[in-house]
């Protein structure tokens, strides 16, 4: 009885230890995955900003109007560089946080 009870306790101990290890590893992998998503979205938002700056410079050279069409269909026109930077920051922050799925 004593040997059987010890074996059962040892089996339960190793089972619990295995579950704790698997749970810890799963949480670690999930955090790494979330960090990768944030890094990718940050890179995309930086590219979005520089693309907007290039288009703004082209707008200034051609004296045209630069517009931004959001994913919900709303349209914004940029008259100066400050409006462009503010809109890019606003959209990028929402994109990095995951509130919107696309930059525009």
PDB file of N, CA and C in Angstrom:
ATOM      1  N   UNK A   1       0.824  -1.197   0.000  1.00  0.00           N
ATOM      2  CA  UNK A   1       0.000   0.000   0.000  1.00  0.00           C
ATOM      3  C   UNK A   1       0.862   1.253   0.000  1.00  0.00           C
ATOM      4  N   UNK A   2       1.908   1.247   0.769  1.00  0.00           N
ATOM      5  CA  UNK A   2       2.774   2.419   0.855  1.00  0.00           C
ATOM      6  C   UNK A   2       3.468   2.693  -0.476  1.00  0.00           C
ATOM      7  N   UNK A   3       3.973   1.645  -1.114  1.00  0.00           N
ATOM      8  CA  UNK A   3       4.644   1.814  -2.398  1.00  0.00           C
ATOM      9  C   UNK A   3       3.653   2.249  -3.480  1.00  0.00           C
ATOM     10  N   UNK A   4       2.446   1.696  -3.442  1.00  0.00           N
ATOM     11  CA  UNK A   4       1.427   2.064  -4.421  1.00  0.00           C
ATOM     12  C   UNK A   4       0.987   3.513  -4.208  1.00  0.00           C
ATOM     13  N   UNK A   5       0.797   3.956  -2.981  1.00  0.00           N
ATOM     14  CA  UNK A   5       0.417   5.332  -2.678  1.00  0.00           C
ATOM     15  C   UNK A   5       1.484   6.321  -3.113  1.00  0.00           C
ATOM     16  N   UNK A   6       2.763   5.943  -2.895  1.00  0.00           N
ATOM     17  CA  UNK A   6       3.860   6.812  -3.309  1.00  0.00           C
ATOM     18  C   UNK A   6       3.922   6.910  -4.831  1.00  0.00           C
ATOM     19  N   UNK A   7       3.683   5.826  -5.510  1.00  0.00           N
ATOM     20  CA  UNK A   7       3.689   5.817  -6.973  1.00  0.00           C
ATOM     21  C   UNK A   7       2.563   6.699  -7.516  1.00  0.00           C
ATOM     22  N   UNK A   8       1.399   6.622  -6.912  1.00  0.00           N
ATOM     23  CA  UNK A   8       0.264   7.433  -7.344  1.00  0.00           C
ATOM     24  C   UNK A   8       0.566   8.919  -7.124  1.00  0.00           C
ATOM     25  N   UNK A   9       1.127   9.260  -5.957  1.00  0.00           N
ATOM     26  CA  UNK A   9       1.478  10.655  -5.678  1.00  0.00           C
ATOM     27  C   UNK A   9       2.546  11.161  -6.649  1.00  0.00           C
ATOM     28  N   UNK A  10       3.526  10.315  -6.941  1.00  0.00           N
ATOM     29  CA  UNK A  10       4.579  10.695  -7.887  1.00  0.00           C
ATOM     30  C   UNK A  10       3.990  10.909  -9.283  1.00  0.00           C
ATOM     31  N   UNK A  11       3.079  10.045  -9.683  1.00  0.00           N
ATOM     32  CA  UNK A  11       2.419  10.188 -10.981  1.00  0.00           C
ATOM     33  C   UNK A  11       1.615  11.490 -11.041  1.00  0.00           C
ATOM     34  N   UNK A  12       0.887  11.797  -9.994  1.00  0.00           N
ATOM     35  CA  UNK A  12       0.112  13.041  -9.935  1.00  0.00           C
ATOM     36  C   UNK A  12       1.045  14.246  -9.958  1.00  0.00           C
ATOM     37  N   UNK A  13       2.150  14.181  -9.218  1.00  0.00           N
ATOM     38  CA  UNK A  13       3.130  15.282  -9.202  1.00  0.00           C
ATOM     39  C   UNK A  13       3.672  15.551 -10.602  1.00  0.00           C
ATOM     40  N   UNK A  14       4.105  14.480 -11.295  1.00  0.00           N
ATOM     41  CA  UNK A  14       4.659  14.662 -12.637  1.00  0.00           C
ATOM     42  C   UNK A  14       3.591  15.140 -13.626  1.00  0.00           C
ATOM     43  N   UNK A  15       2.360  14.720 -13.449  1.00  0.00           N
ATOM     44  CA  UNK A  15       1.273  15.191 -14.304  1.00  0.00           C
ATOM     45  C   UNK A  15       1.031  16.680 -14.130  1.00  0.00           C
ATOM     46  N   UNK A  16       0.986  17.119 -12.854  1.00  0.00           N
ATOM     47  CA  UNK A  16       0.785  18.548 -12.579  1.00  0.00           C
ATOM     48  C   UNK A  16       1.970  19.358 -13.089  1.00  0.00           C
ATOM     49  N   UNK A  17       3.189  18.847 -12.855  1.00  0.00           N
ATOM     50  CA  UNK A  17       4.387  19.551 -13.337  1.00  0.00           C
ATOM     51  C   UNK A  17       4.377  19.682 -14.862  1.00  0.00           C
ATOM     52  N   UNK A  18       3.954  18.637 -15.548  1.00  0.00           N
ATOM     53  CA  UNK A  18       3.868  18.674 -17.011  1.00  0.00           C
ATOM     54  C   UNK A  18       2.844  19.713 -17.471  1.00  0.00           C
ATOM     55  N   UNK A  19       1.691  19.747 -16.819  1.00  0.00           N
ATOM     56  CA  UNK A  19       0.669  20.735 -17.184  1.00  0.00           C
ATOM     57  C   UNK A  19       1.148  22.160 -16.942  1.00  0.00           C
ATOM     58  N   UNK A  20       1.859  22.383 -15.842  1.00  0.00           N
ATOM     59  CA  UNK A  20       2.388  23.716 -15.550  1.00  0.00           C
ATOM     60  C   UNK A  20       3.414  24.118 -16.605  1.00  0.00           C
ATOM     61  N   UNK A  21       4.276  23.185 -16.981  1.00  0.00           N
ATOM     62  CA  UNK A  21       5.288  23.490 -18.013  1.00  0.00           C
ATOM     63  C   UNK A  21       4.634  23.790 -19.363  1.00  0.00           C
ATOM     64  N   UNK A  22       3.656  22.996 -19.735  1.00  0.00           N
ATOM     65  CA  UNK A  22       2.967  23.225 -21.011  1.00  0.00           C
ATOM     66  C   UNK A  22       2.237  24.559 -20.986  1.00  0.00           C
ATOM     67  N   UNK A  23       1.597  24.878 -19.878  1.00  0.00           N
ATOM     68  CA  UNK A  23       0.887  26.158 -19.763  1.00  0.00           C
ATOM     69  C   UNK A  23       1.862  27.330 -19.834  1.00  0.00           C
ATOM     70  N   UNK A  24       2.984  27.230 -19.137  1.00  0.00           N
ATOM     71  CA  UNK A  24       3.977  28.304 -19.151  1.00  0.00           C
ATOM     72  C   UNK A  24       4.533  28.522 -20.551  1.00  0.00           C
ATOM     73  N   UNK A  25       4.838  27.442 -21.235  1.00  0.00           N
ATOM     74  CA  UNK A  25       5.366  27.547 -22.590  1.00  0.00           C
ATOM     75  C   UNK A  25       4.330  28.153 -23.535  1.00  0.00           C
ATOM     76  N   UNK A  26       3.064  27.777 -23.369  1.00  0.00           N
ATOM     77  CA  UNK A  26       2.006  28.327 -24.217  1.00  0.00           C
ATOM     78  C   UNK A  26       1.855  29.824 -24.004  1.00  0.00           C
ATOM     79  N   UNK A  27       1.906  30.266 -22.765  1.00  0.00           N
ATOM     80  CA  UNK A  27       1.822  31.698 -22.472  1.00  0.00           C
ATOM     81  C   UNK A  27       3.019  32.425 -23.059  1.00  0.00           C
ATOM     82  N   UNK A  28       4.206  31.838 -22.940  1.00  0.00           N
ATOM     83  CA  UNK A  28       5.415  32.436 -23.510  1.00  0.00           C
ATOM     84  C   UNK A  28       5.290  32.577 -25.022  1.00  0.00           C
ATOM     85  N   UNK A  29       4.847  31.528 -25.706  1.00  0.00           N
ATOM     86  CA  UNK A  29       4.703  31.577 -27.172  1.00  0.00           C
ATOM     87  C   UNK A  29       3.656  32.607 -27.587  1.00  0.00           C
ATOM     88  N   UNK A  30       2.590  32.724 -26.817  1.00  0.00           N
ATOM     89  CA  UNK A  30       1.549  33.701 -27.120  1.00  0.00           C
ATOM     90  C   UNK A  30       2.096  35.120 -26.985  1.00  0.00           C
ATOM     91  N   UNK A  31       2.880  35.385 -25.945  1.00  0.00           N
ATOM     92  CA  UNK A  31       3.461  36.718 -25.758  1.00  0.00           C
ATOM     93  C   UNK A  31       4.446  37.041 -26.881  1.00  0.00           C
ATOM     94  N   UNK A  32       5.237  36.053 -27.301  1.00  0.00           N
ATOM     95  CA  UNK A  32       6.160  36.260 -28.422  1.00  0.00           C
ATOM     96  C   UNK A  32       5.382  36.552 -29.693  1.00  0.00           C
ATOM     97  N   UNK A  33       4.300  35.831 -29.916  1.00  0.00           N
ATOM     98  CA  UNK A  33       3.454  36.052 -31.099  1.00  0.00           C
ATOM     99  C   UNK A  33       2.866  37.465 -31.094  1.00  0.00           C
ATOM    100  N   UNK A  34       2.361  37.902 -29.942  1.00  0.00           N
ATOM    101  CA  UNK A  34       1.809  39.257 -29.852  1.00  0.00           C
ATOM    102  C   UNK A  34       2.881  40.310 -30.104  1.00  0.00           C
ATOM    103  N   UNK A  35       4.081  40.101 -29.587  1.00  0.00           N
ATOM    104  CA  UNK A  35       5.172  41.054 -29.809  1.00  0.00           C
ATOM    105  C   UNK A  35       5.543  41.108 -31.289  1.00  0.00           C
ATOM    106  N   UNK A  36       5.542  39.956 -31.964  1.00  0.00           N
ATOM    107  CA  UNK A  36       5.823  39.932 -33.402  1.00  0.00           C
ATOM    108  C   UNK A  36       4.762  40.701 -34.182  1.00  0.00           C
ATOM    109  N   UNK A  37       3.510  40.550 -33.794  1.00  0.00           N
ATOM    110  CA  UNK A  37       2.434  41.284 -34.463  1.00  0.00           C
ATOM    111  C   UNK A  37       2.628  42.789 -34.273  1.00  0.00           C
ATOM    112  N   UNK A  38       2.968  43.202 -33.062  1.00  0.00           N
ATOM    113  CA  UNK A  38       3.193  44.625 -32.793  1.00  0.00           C
ATOM    114  C   UNK A  38       4.367  45.146 -33.619  1.00  0.00           C
ATOM    115  N   UNK A  39       5.442  44.359 -33.711  1.00  0.00           N
ATOM    116  CA  UNK A  39       6.599  44.787 -34.509  1.00  0.00           C
ATOM    117  C   UNK A  39       6.246  44.918 -35.987  1.00  0.00           C
ATOM    118  N   UNK A  40       5.491  43.965 -36.509  1.00  0.00           N
ATOM    119  CA  UNK A  40       5.097  44.013 -37.921  1.00  0.00           C
ATOM    120  C   UNK A  40       4.189  45.215 -38.172  1.00  0.00           C
ATOM    121  N   UNK A  41       3.234  45.450 -37.272  1.00  0.00           N
ATOM    122  CA  UNK A  41       2.326  46.582 -37.435  1.00  0.00           C
ATOM    123  C   UNK A  41       3.071  47.911 -37.302  1.00  0.00           C
ATOM    124  N   UNK A  42       4.075  47.961 -36.426  1.00  0.00           N
ATOM    125  CA  UNK A  42       4.872  49.185 -36.298  1.00  0.00           C
ATOM    126  C   UNK A  42       5.639  49.462 -37.587  1.00  0.00           C
ATOM    127  N   UNK A  43       6.204  48.422 -38.159  1.00  0.00           N
ATOM    128  CA  UNK A  43       6.935  48.573 -39.426  1.00  0.00           C
ATOM    129  C   UNK A  43       5.995  49.040 -40.533  1.00  0.00           C
ATOM    130  N   UNK A  44       4.807  48.438 -40.593  1.00  0.00           N
ATOM    131  CA  UNK A  44       3.825  48.839 -41.603  1.00  0.00           C
ATOM    132  C   UNK A  44       3.396  50.297 -41.421  1.00  0.00           C
ATOM    133  N   UNK A  45       3.237  50.730 -40.180  1.00  0.00           N
ATOM    134  CA  UNK A  45       2.800  52.106 -39.940  1.00  0.00           C
ATOM    135  C   UNK A  45       3.897  53.105 -40.296  1.00  0.00           C
ATOM    136  N   UNK A  46       5.162  52.732 -40.090  1.00  0.00           N
ATOM    137  CA  UNK A  46       6.266  53.617 -40.493  1.00  0.00           C
ATOM    138  C   UNK A  46       6.303  53.744 -42.010  1.00  0.00           C
ATOM    139  N   UNK A  47       6.136  52.625 -42.712  1.00  0.00           N
ATOM    140  CA  UNK A  47       6.088  52.672 -44.176  1.00  0.00           C
ATOM    141  C   UNK A  47       4.904  53.504 -44.653  1.00  0.00           C
ATOM    142  N   UNK A  48       3.773  53.383 -43.984  1.00  0.00           N
ATOM    143  CA  UNK A  48       2.579  54.162 -44.316  1.00  0.00           C
ATOM    144  C   UNK A  48       2.861  55.659 -44.166  1.00  0.00           C
ATOM    145  N   UNK A  49       3.548  56.037 -43.093  1.00  0.00           N
ATOM    146  CA  UNK A  49       3.871  57.442 -42.856  1.00  0.00           C
ATOM    147  C   UNK A  49       4.800  57.983 -43.944  1.00  0.00           C
ATOM    148  N   UNK A  50       5.879  57.250 -44.244  1.00  0.00           N
ATOM    149  CA  UNK A  50       6.814  57.731 -45.262  1.00  0.00           C
ATOM    150  C   UNK A  50       6.178  57.757 -46.649  1.00  0.00           C
ATOM    151  N   UNK A  51       5.278  56.836 -46.921  1.00  0.00           N
ATOM    152  CA  UNK A  51       4.541  56.873 -48.181  1.00  0.00           C
ATOM    153  C   UNK A  51       3.672  58.131 -48.237  1.00  0.00           C
ATOM    154  N   UNK A  52       3.047  58.473 -47.122  1.00  0.00           N
ATOM    155  CA  UNK A  52       2.239  59.694 -47.060  1.00  0.00           C
ATOM    156  C   UNK A  52       3.077  60.947 -47.248  1.00  0.00           C
ATOM    157  N   UNK A  53       4.273  60.964 -46.676  1.00  0.00           N
ATOM    158  CA  UNK A  53       5.155  62.132 -46.837  1.00  0.00           C
ATOM    159  C   UNK A  53       5.574  62.274 -48.296  1.00  0.00           C
ATOM    160  N   UNK A  54       5.912  61.168 -48.945  1.00  0.00           N
ATOM    161  CA  UNK A  54       6.281  61.235 -50.373  1.00  0.00           C
ATOM    162  C   UNK A  54       5.112  61.755 -51.213  1.00  0.00           C
ATOM    163  N   UNK A  55       3.917  61.275 -50.912  1.00  0.00           N
ATOM    164  CA  UNK A  55       2.749  61.739 -51.661  1.00  0.00           C
ATOM    165  C   UNK A  55       2.452  63.202 -51.367  1.00  0.00           C
ATOM    166  N   UNK A  56       2.696  63.638 -50.141  1.00  0.00           N
ATOM    167  CA  UNK A  56       2.491  65.045 -49.794  1.00  0.00           C
ATOM    168  C   UNK A  56       3.472  65.936 -50.561  1.00  0.00           C
ATOM    169  N   UNK A  57       4.723  65.489 -50.657  1.00  0.00           N
ATOM    170  CA  UNK A  57       5.708  66.261 -51.422  1.00  0.00           C
ATOM    171  C   UNK A  57       5.318  66.324 -52.895  1.00  0.00           C
ATOM    172  N   UNK A  58       4.804  65.235 -53.430  1.00  0.00           N
ATOM    173  CA  UNK A  58       4.333  65.222 -54.813  1.00  0.00           C
ATOM    174  C   UNK A  58       3.135  66.145 -54.973  1.00  0.00           C
ATOM    175  N   UNK A  59       2.275  66.173 -53.971  1.00  0.00           N
ATOM    176  CA  UNK A  59       1.114  67.068 -53.993  1.00  0.00           C
ATOM    177  C   UNK A  59       1.577  68.520 -54.020  1.00  0.00           C
ATOM    178  N   UNK A  60       2.588  68.841 -53.222  1.00  0.00           N
ATOM    179  CA  UNK A  60       3.100  70.206 -53.196  1.00  0.00           C
ATOM    180  C   UNK A  60       3.710  70.598 -54.545  1.00  0.00           C
ATOM    181  N   UNK A  61       4.381  69.656 -55.184  1.00  0.00           N
ATOM    182  CA  UNK A  61       5.013  69.944 -56.474  1.00  0.00           C
ATOM    183  C   UNK A  61       3.975  70.121 -57.579  1.00  0.00           C
ATOM    184  N   UNK A  62       2.889  69.382 -57.514  1.00  0.00           N
ATOM    185  CA  UNK A  62       1.881  69.444 -58.575  1.00  0.00           C
ATOM    186  C   UNK A  62       0.702  70.344 -58.229  1.00  0.00           C
ATOM    187  N   UNK A  63       0.688  70.870 -57.012  1.00  0.00           N
ATOM    188  CA  UNK A  63      -0.391  71.730 -56.520  1.00  0.00           C
ATOM    189  C   UNK A  63      -1.748  71.017 -56.593  1.00  0.00           C
ATOM    190  N   UNK A  64      -1.749  69.756 -56.254  1.00  0.00           N
ATOM    191  CA  UNK A  64      -2.983  68.968 -56.227  1.00  0.00           C
ATOM    192  C   UNK A  64      -3.444  68.824 -54.784  1.00  0.00           C
ATOM    193  N   UNK A  65      -4.580  68.167 -54.608  1.00  0.00           N
ATOM    194  CA  UNK A  65      -5.076  67.906 -53.256  1.00  0.00           C
ATOM    195  C   UNK A  65      -4.788  66.449 -52.896  1.00  0.00           C
ATOM    196  N   UNK A  66      -4.258  66.260 -51.708  1.00  0.00           N
ATOM    197  CA  UNK A  66      -3.971  64.919 -51.218  1.00  0.00           C
ATOM    198  C   UNK A  66      -5.125  64.484 -50.326  1.00  0.00           C
ATOM    199  N   UNK A  67      -5.662  63.310 -50.616  1.00  0.00           N
ATOM    200  CA  UNK A  67      -6.775  62.824 -49.816  1.00  0.00           C
ATOM    201  C   UNK A  67      -6.423  61.473 -49.212  1.00  0.00           C
ATOM    202  N   UNK A  68      -7.034  61.206 -48.082  1.00  0.00           N
ATOM    203  CA  UNK A  68      -6.879  59.935 -47.391  1.00  0.00           C
ATOM    204  C   UNK A  68      -8.261  59.318 -47.257  1.00  0.00           C
ATOM    205  N   UNK A  69      -8.395  58.097 -47.733  1.00  0.00           N
ATOM    206  CA  UNK A  69      -9.659  57.387 -47.620  1.00  0.00           C
ATOM    207  C   UNK A  69      -9.480  56.312 -46.552  1.00  0.00           C
ATOM    208  N   UNK A  70     -10.210  56.436 -45.469  1.00  0.00           N
ATOM    209  CA  UNK A  70     -10.130  55.473 -44.367  1.00  0.00           C
ATOM    210  C   UNK A  70     -10.844  54.193 -44.743  1.00  0.00           C
ATOM    211  N   UNK A  71     -10.628  53.165 -43.935  1.00  0.00           N
ATOM    212  CA  UNK A  71     -11.251  51.878 -44.221  1.00  0.00           C
ATOM    213  C   UNK A  71     -12.768  51.924 -44.079  1.00  0.00           C
ATOM    214  N   UNK A  72     -13.275  52.899 -43.321  1.00  0.00           N
ATOM    215  CA  UNK A  72     -14.731  53.020 -43.185  1.00  0.00           C
ATOM    216  C   UNK A  72     -15.352  53.868 -44.289  1.00  0.00           C
ATOM    217  N   UNK A  73     -14.523  54.395 -45.200  1.00  0.00           N
ATOM    218  CA  UNK A  73     -15.029  55.158 -46.339  1.00  0.00           C
ATOM    219  C   UNK A  73     -14.959  56.659 -46.181  1.00  0.00           C
ATOM    220  N   UNK A  74     -14.596  57.156 -45.016  1.00  0.00           N
ATOM    221  CA  UNK A  74     -14.501  58.605 -44.827  1.00  0.00           C
ATOM    222  C   UNK A  74     -13.255  59.141 -45.540  1.00  0.00           C
ATOM    223  N   UNK A  75     -13.383  60.356 -46.072  1.00  0.00           N
ATOM    224  CA  UNK A  75     -12.313  60.983 -46.857  1.00  0.00           C
ATOM    225  C   UNK A  75     -11.809  62.213 -46.118  1.00  0.00           C
ATOM    226  N   UNK A  76     -10.471  62.346 -46.044  1.00  0.00           N
ATOM    227  CA  UNK A  76      -9.846  63.526 -45.440  1.00  0.00           C
ATOM    228  C   UNK A  76      -8.912  64.153 -46.466  1.00  0.00           C
ATOM    229  N   UNK A  77      -8.907  65.471 -46.530  1.00  0.00           N
ATOM    230  CA  UNK A  77      -7.994  66.199 -47.414  1.00  0.00           C
ATOM    231  C   UNK A  77      -6.945  66.890 -46.556  1.00  0.00           C
ATOM    232  N   UNK A  78      -5.716  66.899 -47.030  1.00  0.00           N
ATOM    233  CA  UNK A  78      -4.615  67.492 -46.279  1.00  0.00           C
ATOM    234  C   UNK A  78      -4.195  68.804 -46.928  1.00  0.00           C
ATOM    235  N   UNK A  79      -4.256  69.871 -46.132  1.00  0.00           N
ATOM    236  CA  UNK A  79      -3.843  71.189 -46.620  1.00  0.00           C
ATOM    237  C   UNK A  79      -2.411  71.516 -46.220  1.00  0.00           C
ATOM    238  N   UNK A  80      -1.958  70.937 -45.118  1.00  0.00           N
ATOM    239  CA  UNK A  80      -0.586  71.200 -44.679  1.00  0.00           C
ATOM    240  C   UNK A  80       0.012  69.926 -44.098  1.00  0.00           C
ATOM    241  N   UNK A  81       1.314  69.990 -43.857  1.00  0.00           N
ATOM    242  CA  UNK A  81       2.033  68.815 -43.392  1.00  0.00           C
ATOM    243  C   UNK A  81       1.627  68.421 -41.974  1.00  0.00           C
ATOM    244  N   UNK A  82       1.227  69.374 -41.165  1.00  0.00           N
ATOM    245  CA  UNK A  82       0.814  69.074 -39.791  1.00  0.00           C
ATOM    246  C   UNK A  82      -0.422  68.179 -39.778  1.00  0.00           C
ATOM    247  N   UNK A  83      -1.375  68.459 -40.643  1.00  0.00           N
ATOM    248  CA  UNK A  83      -2.572  67.620 -40.731  1.00  0.00           C
ATOM    249  C   UNK A  83      -2.201  66.200 -41.151  1.00  0.00           C
ATOM    250  N   UNK A  84      -1.255  66.085 -42.071  1.00  0.00           N
ATOM    251  CA  UNK A  84      -0.804  64.780 -42.537  1.00  0.00           C
ATOM    252  C   UNK A  84      -0.166  63.989 -41.400  1.00  0.00           C
ATOM    253  N   UNK A  85       0.722  64.632 -40.669  1.00  0.00           N
ATOM    254  CA  UNK A  85       1.413  63.961 -39.566  1.00  0.00           C
ATOM    255  C   UNK A  85       0.420  63.553 -38.481  1.00  0.00           C
ATOM    256  N   UNK A  86      -0.501  64.449 -38.140  1.00  0.00           N
ATOM    257  CA  UNK A  86      -1.498  64.128 -37.113  1.00  0.00           C
ATOM    258  C   UNK A  86      -2.365  62.935 -37.519  1.00  0.00           C
ATOM    259  N   UNK A  87      -2.812  62.926 -38.764  1.00  0.00           N
ATOM    260  CA  UNK A  87      -3.660  61.828 -39.239  1.00  0.00           C
ATOM    261  C   UNK A  87      -2.872  60.514 -39.281  1.00  0.00           C
ATOM    262  N   UNK A  88      -1.619  60.571 -39.735  1.00  0.00           N
ATOM    263  CA  UNK A  88      -0.796  59.358 -39.782  1.00  0.00           C
ATOM    264  C   UNK A  88      -0.559  58.807 -38.383  1.00  0.00           C
ATOM    265  N   UNK A  89      -0.296  59.675 -37.422  1.00  0.00           N
ATOM    266  CA  UNK A  89      -0.086  59.231 -36.044  1.00  0.00           C
ATOM    267  C   UNK A  89      -1.362  58.613 -35.468  1.00  0.00           C
ATOM    268  N   UNK A  90      -2.487  59.257 -35.740  1.00  0.00           N
ATOM    269  CA  UNK A  90      -3.757  58.747 -35.228  1.00  0.00           C
ATOM    270  C   UNK A  90      -4.066  57.366 -35.799  1.00  0.00           C
ATOM    271  N   UNK A  91      -3.928  57.230 -37.095  1.00  0.00           N
ATOM    272  CA  UNK A  91      -4.229  55.955 -37.747  1.00  0.00           C
ATOM    273  C   UNK A  91      -3.210  54.894 -37.342  1.00  0.00           C
ATOM    274  N   UNK A  92      -1.939  55.267 -37.259  1.00  0.00           N
ATOM    275  CA  UNK A  92      -0.903  54.304 -36.886  1.00  0.00           C
ATOM    276  C   UNK A  92      -1.105  53.786 -35.469  1.00  0.00           C
ATOM    277  N   UNK A  93      -1.452  54.662 -34.546  1.00  0.00           N
ATOM    278  CA  UNK A  93      -1.687  54.230 -33.165  1.00  0.00           C
ATOM    279  C   UNK A  93      -2.834  53.231 -33.089  1.00  0.00           C
ATOM    280  N   UNK A  94      -3.913  53.520 -33.797  1.00  0.00           N
ATOM    281  CA  UNK A  94      -5.054  52.602 -33.800  1.00  0.00           C
ATOM    282  C   UNK A  94      -4.680  51.268 -34.445  1.00  0.00           C
ATOM    283  N   UNK A  95      -3.872  51.322 -35.505  1.00  0.00           N
ATOM    284  CA  UNK A  95      -3.466  50.107 -36.212  1.00  0.00           C
ATOM    285  C   UNK A  95      -2.569  49.242 -35.338  1.00  0.00           C
ATOM    286  N   UNK A  96      -1.607  49.856 -34.663  1.00  0.00           N
ATOM    287  CA  UNK A  96      -0.693  49.100 -33.803  1.00  0.00           C
ATOM    288  C   UNK A  96      -1.442  48.458 -32.638  1.00  0.00           C
ATOM    289  N   UNK A  97      -2.416  49.174 -32.093  1.00  0.00           N
ATOM    290  CA  UNK A  97      -3.201  48.636 -30.983  1.00  0.00           C
ATOM    291  C   UNK A  97      -4.178  47.558 -31.443  1.00  0.00           C
ATOM    292  N   UNK A  98      -4.417  47.457 -32.741  1.00  0.00           N
ATOM    293  CA  UNK A  98      -5.316  46.456 -33.267  1.00  0.00           C
ATOM    294  C   UNK A  98      -6.756  46.905 -33.355  1.00  0.00           C
ATOM    295  N   UNK A  99      -6.999  48.191 -33.184  1.00  0.00           N
ATOM    296  CA  UNK A  99      -8.370  48.702 -33.251  1.00  0.00           C
ATOM    297  C   UNK A  99      -8.900  48.726 -34.679  1.00  0.00           C
ATOM    298  N   UNK A 100      -7.998  48.894 -35.655  1.00  0.00           N
ATOM    299  CA  UNK A 100      -8.380  48.823 -37.064  1.00  0.00           C
ATOM    300  C   UNK A 100      -7.514  47.787 -37.741  1.00  0.00           C
ATOM    301  N   UNK A 101      -8.015  47.211 -38.817  1.00  0.00           N
ATOM    302  CA  UNK A 101      -7.317  46.116 -39.488  1.00  0.00           C
ATOM    303  C   UNK A 101      -6.397  46.571 -40.602  1.00  0.00           C
ATOM    304  N   UNK A 102      -6.642  47.760 -41.178  1.00  0.00           N
ATOM    305  CA  UNK A 102      -5.844  48.254 -42.288  1.00  0.00           C
ATOM    306  C   UNK A 102      -5.563  49.729 -42.075  1.00  0.00           C
ATOM    307  N   UNK A 103      -4.504  50.219 -42.689  1.00  0.00           N
ATOM    308  CA  UNK A 103      -4.110  51.604 -42.522  1.00  0.00           C
ATOM    309  C   UNK A 103      -4.920  52.567 -43.361  1.00  0.00           C
ATOM    310  N   UNK A 104      -5.491  52.133 -44.414  1.00  0.00           N
ATOM    311  CA  UNK A 104      -6.302  53.028 -45.228  1.00  0.00           C
ATOM    312  C   UNK A 104      -6.135  52.740 -46.683  1.00  0.00           C
TER     313      UNK A 104
END
